[in-house]
């Protein structure tokens, strides 16, 4: 009787292993999605006919003509699988009266650039791919360079009544600009 129980346990274990092996490819296809830090776009200026390619880091904004392009995520697949490259993108237009108007929010697909490309009167933008690295320096490095404190900035300032408000230079002759809290523009 124990051999019958042993055989049943063996058959049950083998069938469980076969079932798990059949389910593994479906689970791994979801995990094979690669999250990339850089989205690569192409844009055309319809007035000049120039097409340029530009890289944008995730959650950063780059201006292309009158458009501001901001990718939120950029997914791709390993090279061994069928290509599937997509990015969730927000595109804003700077109007002639200097207002910002959202003209596109959605998914762009590199394999089908005409499906969800941004078609503007002057500019078109579409996703070319996703990358792990870019020749463009990351925005954190660019911000770190501009955020370094100056040696002269650590000196105490003279009281405001002794120095006129419109004279920016301090005693060393260097202009020291105070950072404004509402200055959140990105100059990528």
Protein backbone atom coordinates (compact mmCIF):
# COMPACT_ATOMS: atom_id res chain seq x y z
CA UNK A 1 0.00 0.00 0.00
CA UNK A 2 2.82 2.44 0.69
CA UNK A 3 4.18 1.89 -2.85
CA UNK A 4 0.76 2.87 -4.27
CA UNK A 5 0.78 6.03 -2.13
CA UNK A 6 4.35 6.76 -3.17
CA UNK A 7 3.45 6.31 -6.85
CA UNK A 8 0.43 8.63 -6.51
CA UNK A 9 2.57 11.28 -4.84
CA UNK A 10 5.16 10.95 -7.61
CA UNK A 11 2.51 11.35 -10.34
CA UNK A 12 1.01 14.35 -8.53
CA UNK A 13 4.43 15.97 -8.15
CA UNK A 14 5.32 15.34 -11.80
CA UNK A 15 2.03 16.78 -13.06
CA UNK A 16 2.48 19.85 -10.85
CA UNK A 17 5.97 20.39 -12.30
CA UNK A 18 4.65 20.06 -15.86
CA UNK A 19 1.83 22.50 -15.11
CA UNK A 20 4.26 25.03 -13.57
CA UNK A 21 6.57 24.74 -16.58
CA UNK A 22 3.66 25.47 -18.92
CA UNK A 23 2.70 28.55 -16.93
CA UNK A 24 6.26 29.94 -16.68
CA UNK A 25 6.49 31.45 -20.20
CA UNK A 26 3.33 33.49 -19.71
CA UNK A 27 4.62 34.90 -16.42
CA UNK A 28 8.09 35.67 -17.79
CA UNK A 29 6.74 37.65 -20.78
CA UNK A 30 5.41 40.27 -18.39
CA UNK A 31 8.68 40.42 -16.48
CA UNK A 32 10.75 40.70 -19.69
CA UNK A 33 9.57 44.27 -20.17
CA UNK A 34 12.53 46.62 -19.81
CA UNK A 35 12.05 50.04 -18.21
CA UNK A 36 14.37 52.56 -19.86
CA UNK A 37 15.53 55.95 -18.53
CA UNK A 38 15.66 57.62 -21.98
CA UNK A 39 13.10 57.97 -24.77
CA UNK A 40 14.33 58.72 -28.29
CA UNK A 41 12.07 60.88 -30.45
CA UNK A 42 12.16 62.18 -33.99
CA UNK A 43 10.59 65.43 -35.00
CA UNK A 44 9.99 67.24 -38.25
CA UNK A 45 9.74 70.97 -38.79
CA UNK A 46 7.33 71.19 -41.72
CA UNK A 47 8.42 74.72 -42.59
CA UNK A 48 12.11 73.88 -43.11
CA UNK A 49 11.67 70.16 -43.80
CA UNK A 50 14.36 69.28 -41.24
CA UNK A 51 14.03 66.05 -39.30
CA UNK A 52 15.94 65.77 -36.05
CA UNK A 53 16.34 63.04 -33.48
CA UNK A 54 16.46 63.97 -29.80
CA UNK A 55 16.71 62.11 -26.49
CA UNK A 56 14.55 62.94 -23.49
CA UNK A 57 15.03 61.53 -20.00
CA UNK A 58 11.93 60.17 -18.27
CA UNK A 59 9.93 62.88 -16.44
CA UNK A 60 12.00 65.64 -18.04
CA UNK A 61 10.74 68.13 -20.61
CA UNK A 62 12.47 69.05 -23.85
CA UNK A 63 11.26 71.78 -26.15
CA UNK A 64 11.07 71.07 -29.88
CA UNK A 65 9.96 74.21 -31.67
CA UNK A 66 6.73 75.30 -30.00
CA UNK A 67 6.19 71.85 -28.48
CA UNK A 68 7.27 70.59 -25.07
CA UNK A 69 7.72 66.80 -24.97
CA UNK A 70 7.67 64.93 -21.62
CA UNK A 71 7.89 61.12 -21.55
CA UNK A 72 6.61 59.50 -18.35
CA UNK A 73 7.71 55.88 -19.03
CA UNK A 74 9.51 54.09 -21.85
CA UNK A 75 9.27 50.31 -22.16
CA UNK A 76 11.03 47.94 -24.53
CA UNK A 77 11.65 44.20 -24.87
CA UNK A 78 14.90 42.23 -24.99
CA UNK A 79 16.51 41.93 -28.42
CA UNK A 80 15.68 38.20 -28.46
CA UNK A 81 11.93 38.94 -28.49
CA UNK A 82 9.63 40.62 -30.99
CA UNK A 83 10.10 44.39 -30.70
CA UNK A 84 7.53 46.22 -28.61
CA UNK A 85 8.65 49.70 -27.70
CA UNK A 86 6.17 52.10 -26.20
CA UNK A 87 6.20 55.27 -24.16
CA UNK A 88 3.57 57.28 -22.33
CA UNK A 89 4.09 60.86 -23.45
CA UNK A 90 2.64 64.28 -22.72
CA UNK A 91 3.06 67.02 -25.32
CA UNK A 92 2.22 70.67 -24.70
CA UNK A 93 2.12 73.52 -27.19
CA UNK A 94 3.30 77.02 -26.37
CA UNK A 95 0.76 79.26 -28.07
CA UNK A 96 1.46 82.68 -29.58
CA UNK A 97 0.06 84.38 -26.47
CA UNK A 98 2.58 82.39 -24.36
CA UNK A 99 0.06 80.00 -22.86
CA UNK A 100 0.76 76.30 -22.52
CA UNK A 101 -1.89 74.02 -23.95
CA UNK A 102 -1.86 70.20 -23.72
CA UNK A 103 -2.26 68.77 -27.22
CA UNK A 104 -1.38 65.11 -26.62
CA UNK A 105 -1.43 62.65 -23.74
CA UNK A 106 -1.09 58.97 -24.47
CA UNK A 107 0.98 56.02 -25.62
CA UNK A 108 3.33 56.21 -28.58
CA UNK A 109 4.57 53.04 -30.28
CA UNK A 110 7.94 52.94 -32.06
CA UNK A 111 6.88 50.04 -34.29
CA UNK A 112 3.81 52.01 -35.47
CA UNK A 113 4.95 55.65 -35.58
CA UNK A 114 1.89 56.85 -37.47
CA UNK A 115 -0.53 55.34 -34.95
CA UNK A 116 -0.15 57.92 -32.17
CA UNK A 117 2.30 60.50 -33.46
CA UNK A 118 1.76 64.14 -32.57
CA UNK A 119 0.59 65.92 -35.69
CA UNK A 120 0.83 69.67 -35.26
CA UNK A 121 0.39 72.39 -37.88
CA UNK A 122 4.16 73.03 -37.97
CA UNK A 123 5.78 70.16 -36.01
CA UNK A 124 5.30 66.40 -35.91
CA UNK A 125 6.86 64.24 -33.17
CA UNK A 126 7.00 60.45 -32.91
CA UNK A 127 8.75 57.82 -30.77
CA UNK A 128 11.77 56.12 -32.31
CA UNK A 129 12.83 53.94 -29.40
CA UNK A 130 13.90 53.61 -25.79
CA UNK A 131 17.48 53.65 -24.53
CA UNK A 132 19.45 52.80 -21.43
CA UNK A 133 22.06 55.53 -22.11
CA UNK A 134 22.24 58.81 -23.98
CA UNK A 135 24.93 61.18 -25.17
CA UNK A 136 22.95 63.95 -23.51
CA UNK A 137 24.00 64.35 -19.86
CA UNK A 138 21.35 63.30 -17.33
CA UNK A 139 19.29 66.16 -15.91
CA UNK A 140 20.47 65.47 -12.34
CA UNK A 141 24.08 66.09 -13.41
CA UNK A 142 23.14 69.30 -15.17
CA UNK A 143 21.19 70.54 -12.15
CA UNK A 144 24.00 69.55 -9.79
CA UNK A 145 26.46 71.72 -11.73
CA UNK A 146 24.20 74.77 -11.56
CA UNK A 147 23.26 74.12 -7.94
CA UNK A 148 26.84 74.16 -6.64
CA UNK A 149 27.23 76.99 -4.15
CA UNK A 150 29.65 79.72 -5.11
CA UNK A 151 32.51 80.47 -2.76
CA UNK A 152 31.43 84.10 -2.56
CA UNK A 153 27.83 83.19 -1.80
CA UNK A 154 28.77 82.00 1.69
CA UNK A 155 29.88 85.51 2.74
CA UNK A 156 27.40 87.50 4.81
CA UNK A 157 25.69 90.26 2.85
CA UNK A 158 25.59 93.88 3.82
CA UNK A 159 22.28 95.17 5.17
CA UNK A 160 19.79 96.18 2.47
CA UNK A 161 19.72 99.87 3.46
CA UNK A 162 23.47 100.27 2.83
CA UNK A 163 23.33 98.88 -0.73
CA UNK A 164 20.85 100.09 -3.36
CA UNK A 165 18.45 97.44 -4.60
CA UNK A 166 19.49 97.76 -8.23
CA UNK A 167 23.22 97.23 -7.61
CA UNK A 168 23.69 93.48 -7.87
CA UNK A 169 27.50 93.21 -7.51
CA UNK A 170 28.83 92.43 -4.05
CA UNK A 171 32.14 93.66 -2.67
CA UNK A 172 34.12 91.26 -4.91
CA UNK A 173 32.45 92.52 -8.09
CA UNK A 174 30.68 89.19 -8.73
CA UNK A 175 26.95 89.28 -9.36
CA UNK A 176 25.10 86.93 -7.04
CA UNK A 177 21.60 86.09 -8.13
CA UNK A 178 19.13 84.87 -5.59
CA UNK A 179 17.34 81.73 -6.73
CA UNK A 180 13.64 82.30 -7.24
CA UNK A 181 11.23 79.74 -5.91
CA UNK A 182 8.97 79.88 -8.95
CA UNK A 183 11.85 79.22 -11.38
CA UNK A 184 11.26 75.58 -12.29
CA UNK A 185 12.02 75.70 -15.99
CA UNK A 186 14.17 72.98 -17.47
CA UNK A 187 16.66 73.99 -20.13
CA UNK A 188 17.28 70.60 -21.72
